[in-house]
Amino acid sequence: MIELDGAAGEGGGQILRTSLALSMITGQPFRIRNIRANRSKPGLMRQHLVAVQAAQQVSNAAVIGAAVGAGELSFIPGPIAAGDYDFAIGTAGSCTLVLQTVLLALLHADQPSTIRISGGTHNAMAPPVQFLQRAWLPLLAQMGAEIGIDLLRYGFYPAGGGVVTASVQPCPRLAPLACIERGAFVDAYAEAFFAGIPSNVGSRQLAQVGAALGWEGRQLRLRGLPAEQGPGNALLLTLAYEHHTEVFAAFGARGITAEAVADAALAEAQAYIASGAAVGEHLADQLMLPLALAGSGRFTLSTVSGHAATNAAVIERFLPVTVRFERGEQSSTCVVVPR
């Protein structure tokens, strides 16, 4: 039984999700205490509970302590089983975070699987669906994974109601990956999604982006959604390069101006552009785990966050690899090597 402290490092839900994924794949049980201890509402929230329940179904696991608000949990996995899975978060909790808990595990099943998740698709503090589609999945495909993700209905906070589906083909061994250079510039564009709110919110966001980055015309895309999928607003900035595509997001909320939302997305995108790195801050968190499962790999990243360092420490508890960060002047390199 691997013993984990959920208050270690960054102290958020990623410790639990990474532990669930690696426990399923390696067969090692774990106990985690102080779950999400560093958050304003500690313990399991609804989306974290659904991630546990999804992992339980996928791996026929025995689980002790799975309840909303729980601060301690034990997870004893069984064999990973292919299937057609349907998970309902029941709130606007993130579909993508639940997906990322089980997708890598289902690569180790002996048959293809499908997943349907309902809940939030565009949430603060979580990757939007387009991030997985455009930034994460192409790198996994280079490693040999065949995963498809489709967004059927948008879901914003607080209503939720979004629907995401995924298909997974078996791939028991991922190939190592080196993602060092982003390559030549290919394309860049901004999308302002809005549902059940005035369209000028999105127009103002796009104007702010255009002025800051010199984008115009087809690069500024206003995306109106059916009103019943709102109220909600998301701004996505997509930067496509020869070897990699990055997506940066910010989300509208009551009391936050359209311009402030745009500035939040711009700050992340501009920091990434200036760094020269291949991988952005948030993708770094998501890329370490498949590289560790492959046994080795490396990538350059714009920022080594506390989130990334915490995730690396959890990975090293389950797998015989070392994850280290070599810091440079403008960017850093994450290196995964066998231990």
C-alpha atoms as a PDB file:
ATOM      1  CA  MET A   1       0.000   0.000   0.000  1.00  0.00           C
ATOM      2  CA  ILE A   2       1.569   3.262  -1.151  1.00  0.00           C
ATOM      3  CA  GLU A   3       0.943   6.008   1.423  1.00  0.00           C
ATOM      4  CA  LEU A   4       0.382   9.506   0.015  1.00  0.00           C
ATOM      5  CA  ASP A   5      -0.096  12.907   1.621  1.00  0.00           C
ATOM      6  CA  GLY A   6      -2.648  14.971  -0.313  1.00  0.00           C
ATOM      7  CA  ALA A   7      -1.304  18.130   1.337  1.00  0.00           C
ATOM      8  CA  ALA A   8       2.174  17.665  -0.160  1.00  0.00           C
ATOM      9  CA  GLY A   9       3.454  20.260  -2.592  1.00  0.00           C
ATOM     10  CA  GLU A  10       0.668  21.956  -4.494  1.00  0.00           C
ATOM     11  CA  GLY A  11      -1.893  19.906  -2.551  1.00  0.00           C
ATOM     12  CA  GLY A  12      -4.703  19.726  -5.129  1.00  0.00           C
ATOM     13  CA  GLY A  13      -6.757  17.167  -6.995  1.00  0.00           C
ATOM     14  CA  GLN A  14      -3.978  16.240  -9.440  1.00  0.00           C
ATOM     15  CA  ILE A  15      -2.331  14.127  -6.718  1.00  0.00           C
ATOM     16  CA  LEU A  16      -5.477  12.000  -6.528  1.00  0.00           C
ATOM     17  CA  ARG A  17      -6.001  11.744 -10.308  1.00  0.00           C
ATOM     18  CA  THR A  18      -2.395  10.766 -11.037  1.00  0.00           C
ATOM     19  CA  SER A  19      -2.480   8.226  -8.218  1.00  0.00           C
ATOM     20  CA  LEU A  20      -5.688   6.671  -9.528  1.00  0.00           C
ATOM     21  CA  ALA A  21      -4.302   6.380 -13.071  1.00  0.00           C
ATOM     22  CA  LEU A  22      -1.004   4.857 -11.986  1.00  0.00           C
ATOM     23  CA  SER A  23      -2.619   2.557  -9.440  1.00  0.00           C
ATOM     24  CA  MET A  24      -4.859   1.098 -12.155  1.00  0.00           C
ATOM     25  CA  ILE A  25      -1.977   0.670 -14.591  1.00  0.00           C
ATOM     26  CA  THR A  26       0.605  -0.739 -12.160  1.00  0.00           C
ATOM     27  CA  GLY A  27      -1.782  -2.696  -9.923  1.00  0.00           C
ATOM     28  CA  GLN A  28      -0.369  -0.993  -6.815  1.00  0.00           C
ATOM     29  CA  PRO A  29      -2.921   0.003  -4.152  1.00  0.00           C
ATOM     30  CA  PHE A  30      -2.640   3.345  -2.377  1.00  0.00           C
ATOM     31  CA  ARG A  31      -4.001   5.267   0.574  1.00  0.00           C
ATOM     32  CA  ILE A  32      -4.181   9.061   0.420  1.00  0.00           C
ATOM     33  CA  ARG A  33      -4.772  11.326   3.411  1.00  0.00           C
ATOM     34  CA  ASN A  34      -5.420  15.082   3.542  1.00  0.00           C
ATOM     35  CA  ILE A  35      -7.085  15.047   0.116  1.00  0.00           C
ATOM     36  CA  ARG A  36      -6.990  18.531  -1.484  1.00  0.00           C
ATOM     37  CA  ALA A  37      -5.919  19.932   1.876  1.00  0.00           C
ATOM     38  CA  ASN A  38      -4.595  23.142   0.328  1.00  0.00           C
ATOM     39  CA  ARG A  39      -7.908  24.096  -1.273  1.00  0.00           C
ATOM     40  CA  SER A  40     -10.555  26.447   0.142  1.00  0.00           C
ATOM     41  CA  LYS A  41     -12.977  23.505   0.179  1.00  0.00           C
ATOM     42  CA  PRO A  42     -10.777  20.507   1.063  1.00  0.00           C
ATOM     43  CA  GLY A  43     -11.703  16.863   0.521  1.00  0.00           C
ATOM     44  CA  LEU A  44     -13.411  15.213  -2.418  1.00  0.00           C
ATOM     45  CA  MET A  45     -15.623  17.457  -4.520  1.00  0.00           C
ATOM     46  CA  ARG A  46     -18.194  15.916  -6.818  1.00  0.00           C
ATOM     47  CA  GLN A  47     -15.876  15.774  -9.857  1.00  0.00           C
ATOM     48  CA  HIS A  48     -13.130  14.078  -7.792  1.00  0.00           C
ATOM     49  CA  LEU A  49     -15.617  11.525  -6.473  1.00  0.00           C
ATOM     50  CA  VAL A  50     -16.725  10.717 -10.033  1.00  0.00           C
ATOM     51  CA  ALA A  51     -13.058  10.285 -11.021  1.00  0.00           C
ATOM     52  CA  VAL A  52     -12.696   7.757  -8.181  1.00  0.00           C
ATOM     53  CA  GLN A  53     -15.904   5.988  -9.201  1.00  0.00           C
ATOM     54  CA  ALA A  54     -14.797   5.910 -12.851  1.00  0.00           C
ATOM     55  CA  ALA A  55     -11.446   4.404 -11.884  1.00  0.00           C
ATOM     56  CA  GLN A  56     -13.258   1.919  -9.657  1.00  0.00           C
ATOM     57  CA  GLN A  57     -15.436   0.728 -12.544  1.00  0.00           C
ATOM     58  CA  VAL A  58     -12.609   0.591 -15.076  1.00  0.00           C
ATOM     59  CA  SER A  59     -10.338  -1.471 -12.797  1.00  0.00           C
ATOM     60  CA  ASN A  60     -12.884  -3.385 -10.690  1.00  0.00           C
ATOM     61  CA  ALA A  61     -11.301  -1.767  -7.644  1.00  0.00           C
ATOM     62  CA  ALA A  62     -12.116  -1.984  -3.965  1.00  0.00           C
ATOM     63  CA  VAL A  63     -12.475   1.529  -2.544  1.00  0.00           C
ATOM     64  CA  ILE A  64     -12.763   2.718   1.055  1.00  0.00           C
ATOM     65  CA  GLY A  65     -13.807   6.284   1.880  1.00  0.00           C
ATOM     66  CA  ALA A  66     -15.319   7.445  -1.425  1.00  0.00           C
ATOM     67  CA  ALA A  67     -17.741  10.223  -0.434  1.00  0.00           C
ATOM     68  CA  VAL A  68     -18.121  13.950  -1.087  1.00  0.00           C
ATOM     69  CA  GLY A  69     -16.009  15.825   1.448  1.00  0.00           C
ATOM     70  CA  ALA A  70     -13.880  12.807   2.363  1.00  0.00           C
ATOM     71  CA  GLY A  71     -10.292  13.628   3.305  1.00  0.00           C
ATOM     72  CA  GLU A  72      -8.948  10.073   3.182  1.00  0.00           C
ATOM     73  CA  LEU A  73      -9.304   7.300   0.603  1.00  0.00           C
ATOM     74  CA  SER A  74      -7.970   3.786  -0.004  1.00  0.00           C
ATOM     75  CA  PHE A  75      -7.924   2.327  -3.525  1.00  0.00           C
ATOM     76  CA  ILE A  76      -7.132  -1.316  -4.313  1.00  0.00           C
ATOM     77  CA  PRO A  77      -7.274  -1.909  -8.087  1.00  0.00           C
ATOM     78  CA  GLY A  78      -8.201  -5.070  -9.934  1.00  0.00           C
ATOM     79  CA  PRO A  79      -7.700  -5.854 -13.630  1.00  0.00           C
ATOM     80  CA  ILE A  80      -8.459  -3.089 -16.132  1.00  0.00           C
ATOM     81  CA  ALA A  81     -11.562  -3.931 -18.190  1.00  0.00           C
ATOM     82  CA  ALA A  82     -12.564  -2.589 -21.586  1.00  0.00           C
ATOM     83  CA  GLY A  83     -16.161  -1.423 -21.887  1.00  0.00           C
ATOM     84  CA  ASP A  84     -18.680   1.221 -22.855  1.00  0.00           C
ATOM     85  CA  TYR A  85     -18.679   3.566 -19.879  1.00  0.00           C
ATOM     86  CA  ASP A  86     -21.076   6.379 -18.977  1.00  0.00           C
ATOM     87  CA  PHE A  87     -20.266   8.746 -16.107  1.00  0.00           C
ATOM     88  CA  ALA A  88     -22.456  11.640 -14.947  1.00  0.00           C
ATOM     89  CA  ILE A  89     -20.808  14.250 -12.727  1.00  0.00           C
ATOM     90  CA  GLY A  90     -24.181  15.802 -11.915  1.00  0.00           C
ATOM     91  CA  THR A  91     -22.677  19.294 -11.527  1.00  0.00           C
ATOM     92  CA  ALA A  92     -20.495  21.567 -13.667  1.00  0.00           C
ATOM     93  CA  GLY A  93     -17.424  19.652 -12.453  1.00  0.00           C
ATOM     94  CA  SER A  94     -14.848  19.027 -15.148  1.00  0.00           C
ATOM     95  CA  CYS A  95     -15.439  16.237 -17.677  1.00  0.00           C
ATOM     96  CA  THR A  96     -11.876  16.563 -18.946  1.00  0.00           C
ATOM     97  CA  LEU A  97     -10.291  15.896 -15.562  1.00  0.00           C
ATOM     98  CA  VAL A  98     -12.385  12.743 -15.152  1.00  0.00           C
ATOM     99  CA  LEU A  99     -11.444  11.698 -18.683  1.00  0.00           C
ATOM    100  CA  GLN A 100      -7.743  12.125 -18.029  1.00  0.00           C
ATOM    101  CA  THR A 101      -8.027   9.895 -14.955  1.00  0.00           C
ATOM    102  CA  VAL A 102      -9.124   6.851 -16.964  1.00  0.00           C
ATOM    103  CA  LEU A 103      -7.951   7.332 -20.573  1.00  0.00           C
ATOM    104  CA  LEU A 104      -4.356   6.190 -20.064  1.00  0.00           C
ATOM    105  CA  ALA A 105      -5.529   3.208 -18.027  1.00  0.00           C
ATOM    106  CA  LEU A 106      -7.889   2.065 -20.783  1.00  0.00           C
ATOM    107  CA  LEU A 107      -4.934   1.917 -23.182  1.00  0.00           C
ATOM    108  CA  HIS A 108      -3.996  -1.166 -21.140  1.00  0.00           C
ATOM    109  CA  ALA A 109      -7.322  -2.969 -21.683  1.00  0.00           C
ATOM    110  CA  ASP A 110      -7.470  -5.875 -24.141  1.00  0.00           C
ATOM    111  CA  GLN A 111     -10.304  -4.417 -26.246  1.00  0.00           C
ATOM    112  CA  PRO A 112     -11.408  -0.942 -27.416  1.00  0.00           C
ATOM    113  CA  SER A 113     -13.468   1.185 -25.036  1.00  0.00           C
ATOM    114  CA  THR A 114     -15.823   4.140 -25.228  1.00  0.00           C
ATOM    115  CA  ILE A 115     -16.562   6.745 -22.570  1.00  0.00           C
ATOM    116  CA  ARG A 116     -19.381   9.246 -22.221  1.00  0.00           C
ATOM    117  CA  ILE A 117     -19.169  11.927 -19.512  1.00  0.00           C
ATOM    118  CA  SER A 118     -21.676  14.646 -18.698  1.00  0.00           C
ATOM    119  CA  GLY A 119     -20.845  17.743 -16.634  1.00  0.00           C
ATOM    120  CA  GLY A 120     -18.697  20.809 -17.250  1.00  0.00           C
ATOM    121  CA  THR A 121     -16.645  21.044 -20.436  1.00  0.00           C
ATOM    122  CA  HIS A 122     -15.214  24.554 -20.003  1.00  0.00           C
ATOM    123  CA  ASN A 123     -14.265  25.226 -16.393  1.00  0.00           C
ATOM    124  CA  ALA A 124     -11.782  27.445 -14.631  1.00  0.00           C
ATOM    125  CA  MET A 125      -8.852  25.402 -13.221  1.00  0.00           C
ATOM    126  CA  ALA A 126      -9.338  22.612 -15.784  1.00  0.00           C
ATOM    127  CA  PRO A 127      -8.322  22.056 -19.406  1.00  0.00           C
ATOM    128  CA  PRO A 128     -11.103  22.723 -21.936  1.00  0.00           C
ATOM    129  CA  VAL A 129     -11.994  19.953 -24.377  1.00  0.00           C
ATOM    130  CA  GLN A 130     -10.197  21.716 -27.252  1.00  0.00           C
ATOM    131  CA  PHE A 131      -6.975  21.639 -25.221  1.00  0.00           C
ATOM    132  CA  LEU A 132      -7.125  17.853 -25.125  1.00  0.00           C
ATOM    133  CA  GLN A 133      -8.078  17.619 -28.802  1.00  0.00           C
ATOM    134  CA  ARG A 134      -5.495  20.037 -30.199  1.00  0.00           C
ATOM    135  CA  ALA A 135      -2.554  19.936 -27.770  1.00  0.00           C
ATOM    136  CA  TRP A 136      -2.569  16.683 -25.765  1.00  0.00           C
ATOM    137  CA  LEU A 137      -3.905  14.018 -28.130  1.00  0.00           C
ATOM    138  CA  PRO A 138      -1.527  14.738 -31.061  1.00  0.00           C
ATOM    139  CA  LEU A 139       1.471  14.140 -28.773  1.00  0.00           C
ATOM    140  CA  LEU A 140      -0.076  10.923 -27.454  1.00  0.00           C
ATOM    141  CA  ALA A 141      -0.652   9.855 -31.060  1.00  0.00           C
ATOM    142  CA  GLN A 142       3.091  10.277 -31.701  1.00  0.00           C
ATOM    143  CA  MET A 143       3.625   7.865 -28.804  1.00  0.00           C
ATOM    144  CA  GLY A 144       1.321   5.275 -30.380  1.00  0.00           C
ATOM    145  CA  ALA A 145      -1.983   5.948 -28.602  1.00  0.00           C
ATOM    146  CA  GLU A 146      -5.222   5.996 -30.595  1.00  0.00           C
ATOM    147  CA  ILE A 147      -7.662   8.139 -28.619  1.00  0.00           C
ATOM    148  CA  GLY A 148     -10.474  10.245 -30.034  1.00  0.00           C
ATOM    149  CA  ILE A 149     -12.450  12.885 -28.130  1.00  0.00           C
ATOM    150  CA  ASP A 150     -15.668  14.560 -29.308  1.00  0.00           C
ATOM    151  CA  LEU A 151     -17.488  17.494 -27.736  1.00  0.00           C
ATOM    152  CA  LEU A 152     -21.242  16.956 -28.143  1.00  0.00           C
ATOM    153  CA  ARG A 153     -22.581  19.742 -25.924  1.00  0.00           C
ATOM    154  CA  TYR A 154     -20.924  22.610 -24.087  1.00  0.00           C
ATOM    155  CA  GLY A 155     -21.279  22.829 -20.328  1.00  0.00           C
ATOM    156  CA  PHE A 156     -20.346  25.935 -18.321  1.00  0.00           C
ATOM    157  CA  TYR A 157     -20.342  26.727 -14.611  1.00  0.00           C
ATOM    158  CA  PRO A 158     -22.733  26.655 -12.804  1.00  0.00           C
ATOM    159  CA  ALA A 159     -25.281  24.819 -14.982  1.00  0.00           C
ATOM    160  CA  GLY A 160     -23.053  22.081 -16.422  1.00  0.00           C
ATOM    161  CA  GLY A 161     -24.962  19.814 -18.786  1.00  0.00           C
ATOM    162  CA  GLY A 162     -22.080  19.360 -21.236  1.00  0.00           C
ATOM    163  CA  VAL A 163     -21.369  16.024 -22.908  1.00  0.00           C
ATOM    164  CA  VAL A 164     -18.008  14.617 -24.027  1.00  0.00           C
ATOM    165  CA  THR A 165     -17.334  11.219 -25.581  1.00  0.00           C
ATOM    166  CA  ALA A 166     -14.051   9.387 -26.103  1.00  0.00           C
ATOM    167  CA  SER A 167     -12.861   6.241 -27.841  1.00  0.00           C
ATOM    168  CA  VAL A 168      -9.724   4.349 -26.822  1.00  0.00           C
ATOM    169  CA  GLN A 169      -7.848   1.629 -28.693  1.00  0.00           C
ATOM    170  CA  PRO A 170      -5.560  -0.738 -26.753  1.00  0.00           C
ATOM    171  CA  CYS A 171      -1.892   0.342 -26.613  1.00  0.00           C
ATOM    172  CA  PRO A 172      -0.112  -1.423 -23.749  1.00  0.00           C
ATOM    173  CA  ARG A 173       3.254   0.228 -24.405  1.00  0.00           C
ATOM    174  CA  LEU A 174       3.745   3.885 -25.284  1.00  0.00           C
ATOM    175  CA  ALA A 175       6.826   4.935 -27.249  1.00  0.00           C
ATOM    176  CA  PRO A 176       9.225   7.524 -25.775  1.00  0.00           C
ATOM    177  CA  LEU A 177       8.810  11.094 -26.980  1.00  0.00           C
ATOM    178  CA  ALA A 178      11.138  14.061 -27.368  1.00  0.00           C
ATOM    179  CA  CYS A 179       9.322  17.392 -27.771  1.00  0.00           C
ATOM    180  CA  ILE A 180      12.129  19.943 -27.745  1.00  0.00           C
ATOM    181  CA  GLU A 181      11.359  22.397 -30.564  1.00  0.00           C
ATOM    182  CA  ARG A 182       7.969  23.856 -31.421  1.00  0.00           C
ATOM    183  CA  GLY A 183       9.103  24.341 -35.020  1.00  0.00           C
ATOM    184  CA  ALA A 184       8.033  26.939 -37.566  1.00  0.00           C
ATOM    185  CA  PHE A 185       4.924  29.027 -36.981  1.00  0.00           C
ATOM    186  CA  VAL A 186       1.849  27.673 -38.828  1.00  0.00           C
ATOM    187  CA  ASP A 187      -1.283  29.475 -37.600  1.00  0.00           C
ATOM    188  CA  ALA A 188      -2.850  31.350 -34.693  1.00  0.00           C
ATOM    189  CA  TYR A 189      -6.433  32.259 -33.858  1.00  0.00           C
ATOM    190  CA  ALA A 190      -8.755  33.246 -31.033  1.00  0.00           C
ATOM    191  CA  GLU A 191     -12.257  31.897 -30.390  1.00  0.00           C
ATOM    192  CA  ALA A 192     -14.779  33.567 -28.098  1.00  0.00           C
ATOM    193  CA  PHE A 193     -17.576  31.142 -27.180  1.00  0.00           C
ATOM    194  CA  PHE A 194     -20.760  32.510 -25.627  1.00  0.00           C
ATOM    195  CA  ALA A 195     -24.129  31.047 -24.708  1.00  0.00           C
ATOM    196  CA  GLY A 196     -27.073  32.803 -23.097  1.00  0.00           C
ATOM    197  CA  ILE A 197     -25.166  36.097 -22.729  1.00  0.00           C
ATOM    198  CA  PRO A 198     -24.769  39.141 -25.022  1.00  0.00           C
ATOM    199  CA  SER A 199     -22.517  38.559 -28.015  1.00  0.00           C
ATOM    200  CA  ASN A 200     -20.645  41.791 -27.357  1.00  0.00           C
ATOM    201  CA  VAL A 201     -18.870  40.034 -24.467  1.00  0.00           C
ATOM    202  CA  GLY A 202     -17.106  37.829 -26.999  1.00  0.00           C
ATOM    203  CA  SER A 203     -16.577  40.717 -29.401  1.00  0.00           C
ATOM    204  CA  ARG A 204     -14.826  42.758 -26.707  1.00  0.00           C
ATOM    205  CA  GLN A 205     -12.588  39.820 -25.817  1.00  0.00           C
ATOM    206  CA  LEU A 206     -11.584  39.350 -29.441  1.00  0.00           C
ATOM    207  CA  ALA A 207     -10.887  43.064 -29.835  1.00  0.00           C
ATOM    208  CA  GLN A 208      -8.597  42.935 -26.811  1.00  0.00           C
ATOM    209  CA  VAL A 209      -6.715  39.952 -28.238  1.00  0.00           C
ATOM    210  CA  GLY A 210      -6.461  41.528 -31.677  1.00  0.00           C
ATOM    211  CA  ALA A 211      -5.009  44.733 -30.277  1.00  0.00           C
ATOM    212  CA  ALA A 212      -2.468  42.897 -28.115  1.00  0.00           C
ATOM    213  CA  LEU A 213      -1.243  40.374 -30.689  1.00  0.00           C
ATOM    214  CA  GLY A 214      -1.926  42.157 -33.969  1.00  0.00           C
ATOM    215  CA  TRP A 215      -4.463  39.533 -35.040  1.00  0.00           C
ATOM    216  CA  GLU A 216      -7.386  40.412 -37.291  1.00  0.00           C
ATOM    217  CA  GLY A 217      -9.985  39.027 -39.692  1.00  0.00           C
ATOM    218  CA  ARG A 218     -10.205  35.236 -39.755  1.00  0.00           C
ATOM    219  CA  GLN A 219      -7.961  34.999 -36.680  1.00  0.00           C
ATOM    220  CA  LEU A 220     -10.720  36.455 -34.489  1.00  0.00           C
ATOM    221  CA  ARG A 221     -13.653  34.050 -34.386  1.00  0.00           C
ATOM    222  CA  LEU A 222     -16.918  34.708 -32.555  1.00  0.00           C
ATOM    223  CA  ARG A 223     -18.623  31.413 -31.677  1.00  0.00           C
ATOM    224  CA  GLY A 224     -22.269  31.720 -30.672  1.00  0.00           C
ATOM    225  CA  LEU A 225     -23.772  28.647 -28.972  1.00  0.00           C
ATOM    226  CA  PRO A 226     -27.437  27.785 -28.304  1.00  0.00           C
ATOM    227  CA  ALA A 227     -28.725  29.821 -25.373  1.00  0.00           C
ATOM    228  CA  GLU A 228     -29.819  26.692 -23.487  1.00  0.00           C
ATOM    229  CA  GLN A 229     -26.140  25.656 -23.199  1.00  0.00           C
ATOM    230  CA  GLY A 230     -25.442  28.751 -21.097  1.00  0.00           C
ATOM    231  CA  PRO A 231     -25.036  31.069 -19.498  1.00  0.00           C
ATOM    232  CA  GLY A 232     -21.354  30.796 -20.211  1.00  0.00           C
ATOM    233  CA  ASN A 233     -18.307  32.223 -21.921  1.00  0.00           C
ATOM    234  CA  ALA A 234     -14.872  30.885 -22.824  1.00  0.00           C
ATOM    235  CA  LEU A 235     -11.987  32.468 -24.702  1.00  0.00           C
ATOM    236  CA  LEU A 236      -9.481  30.118 -26.376  1.00  0.00           C
ATOM    237  CA  LEU A 237      -6.195  31.141 -28.002  1.00  0.00           C
ATOM    238  CA  THR A 238      -4.693  28.483 -30.293  1.00  0.00           C
ATOM    239  CA  LEU A 239      -1.068  28.692 -31.428  1.00  0.00           C
ATOM    240  CA  ALA A 240      -0.102  26.112 -34.052  1.00  0.00           C
ATOM    241  CA  TYR A 241       3.507  25.344 -34.865  1.00  0.00           C
ATOM    242  CA  GLU A 242       5.226  22.774 -37.062  1.00  0.00           C
ATOM    243  CA  HIS A 243       5.742  20.247 -34.264  1.00  0.00           C
ATOM    244  CA  HIS A 244       3.182  21.220 -31.659  1.00  0.00           C
ATOM    245  CA  THR A 245      -0.023  23.159 -31.008  1.00  0.00           C
ATOM    246  CA  GLU A 246      -0.832  24.933 -27.739  1.00  0.00           C
ATOM    247  CA  VAL A 247      -4.192  26.152 -26.433  1.00  0.00           C
ATOM    248  CA  PHE A 248      -4.662  28.822 -23.756  1.00  0.00           C
ATOM    249  CA  ALA A 249      -8.013  29.502 -22.121  1.00  0.00           C
ATOM    250  CA  ALA A 250      -9.805  31.915 -19.826  1.00  0.00           C
ATOM    251  CA  PHE A 251     -13.429  31.844 -18.708  1.00  0.00           C
ATOM    252  CA  GLY A 252     -16.045  34.478 -18.127  1.00  0.00           C
ATOM    253  CA  ALA A 253     -17.591  34.821 -14.684  1.00  0.00           C
ATOM    254  CA  ARG A 254     -19.946  37.164 -12.918  1.00  0.00           C
ATOM    255  CA  GLY A 255     -18.162  40.382 -11.924  1.00  0.00           C
ATOM    256  CA  ILE A 256     -15.208  39.891 -14.308  1.00  0.00           C
ATOM    257  CA  THR A 257     -15.022  42.139 -17.372  1.00  0.00           C
ATOM    258  CA  ALA A 258     -14.586  40.772 -20.881  1.00  0.00           C
ATOM    259  CA  GLU A 259     -11.269  42.596 -21.088  1.00  0.00           C
ATOM    260  CA  ALA A 260     -10.000  40.986 -17.860  1.00  0.00           C
ATOM    261  CA  VAL A 261     -10.845  37.536 -19.248  1.00  0.00           C
ATOM    262  CA  ALA A 262      -8.922  38.338 -22.430  1.00  0.00           C
ATOM    263  CA  ASP A 263      -5.951  39.631 -20.437  1.00  0.00           C
ATOM    264  CA  ALA A 264      -5.779  36.366 -18.456  1.00  0.00           C
ATOM    265  CA  ALA A 265      -5.556  34.262 -21.623  1.00  0.00           C
ATOM    266  CA  LEU A 266      -3.124  36.707 -23.199  1.00  0.00           C
ATOM    267  CA  ALA A 267      -0.766  36.607 -20.222  1.00  0.00           C
ATOM    268  CA  GLU A 268      -0.367  32.836 -20.526  1.00  0.00           C
ATOM    269  CA  ALA A 269      -0.025  32.890 -24.311  1.00  0.00           C
ATOM    270  CA  GLN A 270       2.521  35.712 -24.303  1.00  0.00           C
ATOM    271  CA  ALA A 271       4.615  34.008 -21.608  1.00  0.00           C
ATOM    272  CA  TYR A 272       4.651  30.850 -23.723  1.00  0.00           C
ATOM    273  CA  ILE A 273       5.604  32.729 -26.905  1.00  0.00           C
ATOM    274  CA  ALA A 274       8.464  34.522 -25.146  1.00  0.00           C
ATOM    275  CA  SER A 275       9.837  31.315 -23.586  1.00  0.00           C
ATOM    276  CA  GLY A 276      10.596  29.564 -26.880  1.00  0.00           C
ATOM    277  CA  ALA A 277       9.639  26.257 -25.243  1.00  0.00           C
ATOM    278  CA  ALA A 278       7.684  23.557 -27.041  1.00  0.00           C
ATOM    279  CA  VAL A 279       5.199  22.922 -24.216  1.00  0.00           C
ATOM    280  CA  GLY A 280       3.170  25.327 -22.108  1.00  0.00           C
ATOM    281  CA  GLU A 281       2.794  25.289 -18.328  1.00  0.00           C
ATOM    282  CA  HIS A 282      -0.443  23.308 -18.184  1.00  0.00           C
ATOM    283  CA  LEU A 283       0.386  20.735 -20.861  1.00  0.00           C
ATOM    284  CA  ALA A 284       3.596  19.949 -18.970  1.00  0.00           C
ATOM    285  CA  ASP A 285       1.473  18.493 -16.155  1.00  0.00           C
ATOM    286  CA  GLN A 286      -0.421  16.282 -18.583  1.00  0.00           C
ATOM    287  CA  LEU A 287       2.604  15.114 -20.598  1.00  0.00           C
ATOM    288  CA  MET A 288       4.791  13.863 -17.743  1.00  0.00           C
ATOM    289  CA  LEU A 289       2.575  10.868 -17.025  1.00  0.00           C
ATOM    290  CA  PRO A 290       2.565   9.283 -20.523  1.00  0.00           C
ATOM    291  CA  LEU A 291       6.334   9.898 -20.805  1.00  0.00           C
ATOM    292  CA  ALA A 292       6.854   8.155 -17.471  1.00  0.00           C
ATOM    293  CA  LEU A 293       4.745   5.222 -18.666  1.00  0.00           C
ATOM    294  CA  ALA A 294       6.924   5.052 -21.784  1.00  0.00           C
ATOM    295  CA  GLY A 295       9.956   4.845 -19.501  1.00  0.00           C
ATOM    296  CA  SER A 296      11.770   7.878 -20.892  1.00  0.00           C
ATOM    297  CA  GLY A 297      11.373  11.129 -22.775  1.00  0.00           C
ATOM    298  CA  ARG A 298      11.924  14.864 -22.585  1.00  0.00           C
ATOM    299  CA  PHE A 299      10.296  18.154 -23.469  1.00  0.00           C
ATOM    300  CA  THR A 300      10.988  21.835 -23.081  1.00  0.00           C
ATOM    301  CA  LEU A 301       8.442  23.793 -21.045  1.00  0.00           C
ATOM    302  CA  SER A 302       7.747  27.454 -20.475  1.00  0.00           C
ATOM    303  CA  THR A 303       7.201  27.279 -16.696  1.00  0.00           C
ATOM    304  CA  VAL A 304       7.947  24.705 -14.011  1.00  0.00           C
ATOM    305  CA  SER A 305       4.919  25.180 -11.771  1.00  0.00           C
ATOM    306  CA  GLY A 306       4.371  23.847  -8.273  1.00  0.00           C
ATOM    307  CA  HIS A 307       1.690  21.699  -9.859  1.00  0.00           C
ATOM    308  CA  ALA A 308       4.268  20.075 -12.169  1.00  0.00           C
ATOM    309  CA  ALA A 309       6.769  19.444  -9.381  1.00  0.00           C
ATOM    310  CA  THR A 310       4.068  17.837  -7.230  1.00  0.00           C
ATOM    311  CA  ASN A 311       2.910  15.634 -10.105  1.00  0.00           C
ATOM    312  CA  ALA A 312       6.495  14.499 -10.745  1.00  0.00           C
ATOM    313  CA  ALA A 313       6.852  13.448  -7.101  1.00  0.00           C
ATOM    314  CA  VAL A 314       3.674  11.331  -7.270  1.00  0.00           C
ATOM    315  CA  ILE A 315       4.803   9.661 -10.499  1.00  0.00           C
ATOM    316  CA  GLU A 316       8.085   8.646  -8.876  1.00  0.00           C
ATOM    317  CA  ARG A 317       6.171   6.862  -6.092  1.00  0.00           C
ATOM    318  CA  PHE A 318       4.525   4.479  -8.570  1.00  0.00           C
ATOM    319  CA  LEU A 319       6.997   4.044 -11.447  1.00  0.00           C
ATOM    320  CA  PRO A 320      10.737   3.215 -11.633  1.00  0.00           C
ATOM    321  CA  VAL A 321      11.616   6.557 -13.253  1.00  0.00           C
ATOM    322  CA  THR A 322      13.173   9.829 -12.212  1.00  0.00           C
ATOM    323  CA  VAL A 323      11.556  13.076 -13.343  1.00  0.00           C
ATOM    324  CA  ARG A 324      13.871  16.079 -13.206  1.00  0.00           C
ATOM    325  CA  PHE A 325      13.706  19.674 -14.384  1.00  0.00           C
ATOM    326  CA  GLU A 326      16.741  21.352 -15.928  1.00  0.00           C
ATOM    327  CA  ARG A 327      16.150  25.089 -15.667  1.00  0.00           C
ATOM    328  CA  GLY A 328      17.380  27.494 -18.340  1.00  0.00           C
ATOM    329  CA  GLU A 329      17.212  31.247 -18.754  1.00  0.00           C
ATOM    330  CA  GLN A 330      13.908  31.444 -20.655  1.00  0.00           C
ATOM    331  CA  SER A 331      12.625  27.873 -20.515  1.00  0.00           C
ATOM    332  CA  SER A 332      13.303  24.564 -18.797  1.00  0.00           C
ATOM    333  CA  THR A 333      13.580  20.939 -19.852  1.00  0.00           C
ATOM    334  CA  CYS A 334      11.674  18.090 -18.222  1.00  0.00           C
ATOM    335  CA  VAL A 335      13.648  14.845 -18.455  1.00  0.00           C
ATOM    336  CA  VAL A 336      12.198  11.417 -17.634  1.00  0.00           C
ATOM    337  CA  VAL A 337      14.750   8.605 -17.273  1.00  0.00           C
ATOM    338  CA  PRO A 338      14.629   5.036 -15.913  1.00  0.00           C
ATOM    339  CA  ARG A 339      15.624   4.663 -12.287  1.00  0.00           C
END
